[in-house]
Amino acid sequence: MMPFLYFPEDKTEYIPAVITLIIFMIAASVVMYLLYKRSKKEEKAFNESYKETLTEQQGNKEN
């Protein structure tokens, strides 16, 4: 009968799991960076296209 948790005697069996974890963490970091970069680009485009409306709304809030 195999126990629920398996901790191998030979610790080299952990190496593939650690390598896979590192690869996925790097990939997740790259994806988050690209999403952040694209979001900033879209925000800039939005602000440029609606600049007049945004300044008008800010002027109305101040009065």
N, C-alpha and C. Protein backbone atom coordinates (compact mmCIF):
# COMPACT_ATOMS: atom_id res chain seq x y z
N MET A 1 0.84 -1.18 0.00
CA MET A 1 0.00 0.00 0.00
C MET A 1 0.89 1.25 0.00
N MET A 2 0.57 2.18 -0.90
CA MET A 2 1.38 3.40 -1.02
C MET A 2 0.81 4.48 -0.10
N PRO A 3 1.66 5.13 0.66
CA PRO A 3 1.17 6.20 1.55
C PRO A 3 0.66 7.40 0.74
N PHE A 4 -0.20 8.20 1.38
CA PHE A 4 -0.79 9.36 0.71
C PHE A 4 0.29 10.36 0.28
N LEU A 5 1.19 10.68 1.17
CA LEU A 5 2.31 11.58 0.84
C LEU A 5 3.55 10.73 0.58
N TYR A 6 4.22 11.04 -0.51
CA TYR A 6 5.40 10.28 -0.89
C TYR A 6 6.60 11.20 -0.87
N PHE A 7 7.53 10.95 0.00
CA PHE A 7 8.76 11.70 0.07
C PHE A 7 9.90 10.75 -0.28
N PRO A 8 10.48 10.92 -1.47
CA PRO A 8 11.50 9.96 -1.91
C PRO A 8 12.78 10.05 -1.08
N GLU A 9 13.41 8.93 -0.96
CA GLU A 9 14.70 8.87 -0.27
C GLU A 9 15.77 9.58 -1.10
N ASP A 10 15.70 9.39 -2.42
CA ASP A 10 16.66 10.00 -3.34
C ASP A 10 16.16 11.41 -3.69
N LYS A 11 16.81 12.42 -3.17
CA LYS A 11 16.35 13.79 -3.34
C LYS A 11 16.53 14.32 -4.77
N THR A 12 17.23 13.59 -5.61
CA THR A 12 17.38 14.04 -7.00
C THR A 12 16.06 13.94 -7.77
N GLU A 13 15.08 13.25 -7.21
CA GLU A 13 13.77 13.17 -7.86
C GLU A 13 13.02 14.50 -7.77
N TYR A 14 13.49 15.40 -6.94
CA TYR A 14 12.87 16.72 -6.83
C TYR A 14 13.33 17.66 -7.94
N ILE A 15 14.45 17.38 -8.57
CA ILE A 15 15.04 18.28 -9.57
C ILE A 15 14.09 18.58 -10.73
N PRO A 16 13.44 17.61 -11.38
CA PRO A 16 12.52 17.94 -12.47
C PRO A 16 11.36 18.82 -12.03
N ALA A 17 10.86 18.59 -10.82
CA ALA A 17 9.76 19.40 -10.31
C ALA A 17 10.20 20.84 -10.09
N VAL A 18 11.38 21.03 -9.56
CA VAL A 18 11.90 22.37 -9.32
C VAL A 18 12.15 23.09 -10.64
N ILE A 19 12.71 22.40 -11.61
CA ILE A 19 12.95 23.00 -12.93
C ILE A 19 11.64 23.41 -13.58
N THR A 20 10.63 22.55 -13.50
CA THR A 20 9.32 22.88 -14.07
C THR A 20 8.71 24.08 -13.35
N LEU A 21 8.81 24.12 -12.04
CA LEU A 21 8.29 25.24 -11.27
C LEU A 21 8.97 26.54 -11.68
N ILE A 22 10.28 26.53 -11.84
CA ILE A 22 11.02 27.73 -12.23
C ILE A 22 10.59 28.18 -13.62
N ILE A 23 10.44 27.25 -14.55
CA ILE A 23 10.02 27.60 -15.91
C ILE A 23 8.64 28.26 -15.89
N PHE A 24 7.70 27.68 -15.17
CA PHE A 24 6.35 28.25 -15.10
C PHE A 24 6.34 29.61 -14.41
N MET A 25 7.16 29.80 -13.38
CA MET A 25 7.22 31.10 -12.70
C MET A 25 7.81 32.17 -13.62
N ILE A 26 8.82 31.81 -14.39
CA ILE A 26 9.39 32.77 -15.34
C ILE A 26 8.37 33.11 -16.42
N ALA A 27 7.67 32.09 -16.93
CA ALA A 27 6.65 32.33 -17.96
C ALA A 27 5.53 33.21 -17.41
N ALA A 28 5.10 32.97 -16.19
CA ALA A 28 4.05 33.80 -15.58
C ALA A 28 4.52 35.23 -15.41
N SER A 29 5.76 35.43 -15.02
CA SER A 29 6.31 36.77 -14.87
C SER A 29 6.36 37.51 -16.20
N VAL A 30 6.77 36.82 -17.25
CA VAL A 30 6.83 37.43 -18.58
C VAL A 30 5.43 37.82 -19.05
N VAL A 31 4.46 36.94 -18.85
CA VAL A 31 3.09 37.25 -19.26
C VAL A 31 2.55 38.44 -18.48
N MET A 32 2.79 38.50 -17.18
CA MET A 32 2.32 39.63 -16.38
C MET A 32 2.98 40.93 -16.84
N TYR A 33 4.27 40.89 -17.17
CA TYR A 33 4.97 42.07 -17.67
C TYR A 33 4.35 42.54 -18.98
N LEU A 34 4.08 41.60 -19.89
CA LEU A 34 3.49 41.97 -21.17
C LEU A 34 2.08 42.53 -21.01
N LEU A 35 1.29 41.96 -20.11
CA LEU A 35 -0.05 42.48 -19.85
C LEU A 35 0.03 43.89 -19.26
N TYR A 36 0.96 44.11 -18.35
CA TYR A 36 1.13 45.44 -17.75
C TYR A 36 1.54 46.46 -18.81
N LYS A 37 2.47 46.07 -19.65
CA LYS A 37 2.95 46.96 -20.71
C LYS A 37 1.82 47.31 -21.68
N ARG A 38 1.05 46.31 -22.08
CA ARG A 38 -0.07 46.56 -23.00
C ARG A 38 -1.15 47.42 -22.34
N SER A 39 -1.40 47.19 -21.08
CA SER A 39 -2.39 47.97 -20.36
C SER A 39 -1.99 49.45 -20.32
N LYS A 40 -0.73 49.72 -20.06
CA LYS A 40 -0.26 51.11 -20.06
C LYS A 40 -0.40 51.74 -21.44
N LYS A 41 -0.12 50.97 -22.48
CA LYS A 41 -0.25 51.47 -23.85
C LYS A 41 -1.71 51.79 -24.17
N GLU A 42 -2.63 50.91 -23.76
CA GLU A 42 -4.05 51.15 -24.00
C GLU A 42 -4.55 52.34 -23.19
N GLU A 43 -4.05 52.50 -21.97
CA GLU A 43 -4.44 53.64 -21.14
C GLU A 43 -4.00 54.95 -21.79
N LYS A 44 -2.80 54.96 -22.33
CA LYS A 44 -2.30 56.16 -23.00
C LYS A 44 -3.15 56.48 -24.23
N ALA A 45 -3.49 55.47 -25.02
CA ALA A 45 -4.31 55.68 -26.21
C ALA A 45 -5.71 56.18 -25.82
N PHE A 46 -6.27 55.63 -24.76
CA PHE A 46 -7.58 56.06 -24.28
C PHE A 46 -7.54 57.52 -23.85
N ASN A 47 -6.52 57.87 -23.06
CA ASN A 47 -6.41 59.25 -22.59
C ASN A 47 -6.22 60.23 -23.74
N GLU A 48 -5.49 59.83 -24.77
CA GLU A 48 -5.29 60.71 -25.91
C GLU A 48 -6.58 60.87 -26.72
N SER A 49 -7.34 59.81 -26.88
CA SER A 49 -8.54 59.89 -27.71
C SER A 49 -9.69 60.60 -26.98
N TYR A 50 -9.71 60.56 -25.65
CA TYR A 50 -10.78 61.20 -24.89
C TYR A 50 -10.26 62.35 -24.04
N LYS A 51 -9.19 62.99 -24.48
CA LYS A 51 -8.56 64.04 -23.70
C LYS A 51 -9.51 65.19 -23.41
N GLU A 52 -10.23 65.63 -24.43
CA GLU A 52 -11.14 66.76 -24.26
C GLU A 52 -12.26 66.43 -23.28
N THR A 53 -12.83 65.27 -23.40
CA THR A 53 -13.92 64.86 -22.52
C THR A 53 -13.43 64.74 -21.08
N LEU A 54 -12.23 64.19 -20.90
CA LEU A 54 -11.69 64.02 -19.55
C LEU A 54 -11.42 65.36 -18.89
N THR A 55 -10.84 66.31 -19.63
CA THR A 55 -10.57 67.63 -19.05
C THR A 55 -11.88 68.36 -18.75
N GLU A 56 -12.89 68.17 -19.59
CA GLU A 56 -14.19 68.80 -19.36
C GLU A 56 -14.83 68.24 -18.09
N GLN A 57 -14.76 66.92 -17.90
CA GLN A 57 -15.32 66.29 -16.72
C GLN A 57 -14.59 66.72 -15.45
N GLN A 58 -13.28 66.88 -15.52
CA GLN A 58 -12.52 67.32 -14.36
C GLN A 58 -12.87 68.76 -14.02
N GLY A 59 -13.11 69.58 -15.05
CA GLY A 59 -13.51 70.98 -14.81
C GLY A 59 -14.87 71.06 -14.16
N ASN A 60 -15.79 70.19 -14.53
CA ASN A 60 -17.13 70.17 -13.92
C ASN A 60 -17.07 69.72 -12.46
N LYS A 61 -16.16 68.82 -12.13
CA LYS A 61 -16.05 68.34 -10.75
C LYS A 61 -15.51 69.43 -9.84
N GLU A 62 -14.62 70.28 -10.33
CA GLU A 62 -14.02 71.31 -9.52
C GLU A 62 -15.01 72.42 -9.20
N ASN A 63 -15.98 72.66 -10.05
CA ASN A 63 -16.94 73.75 -9.81
C ASN A 63 -18.00 73.37 -8.85
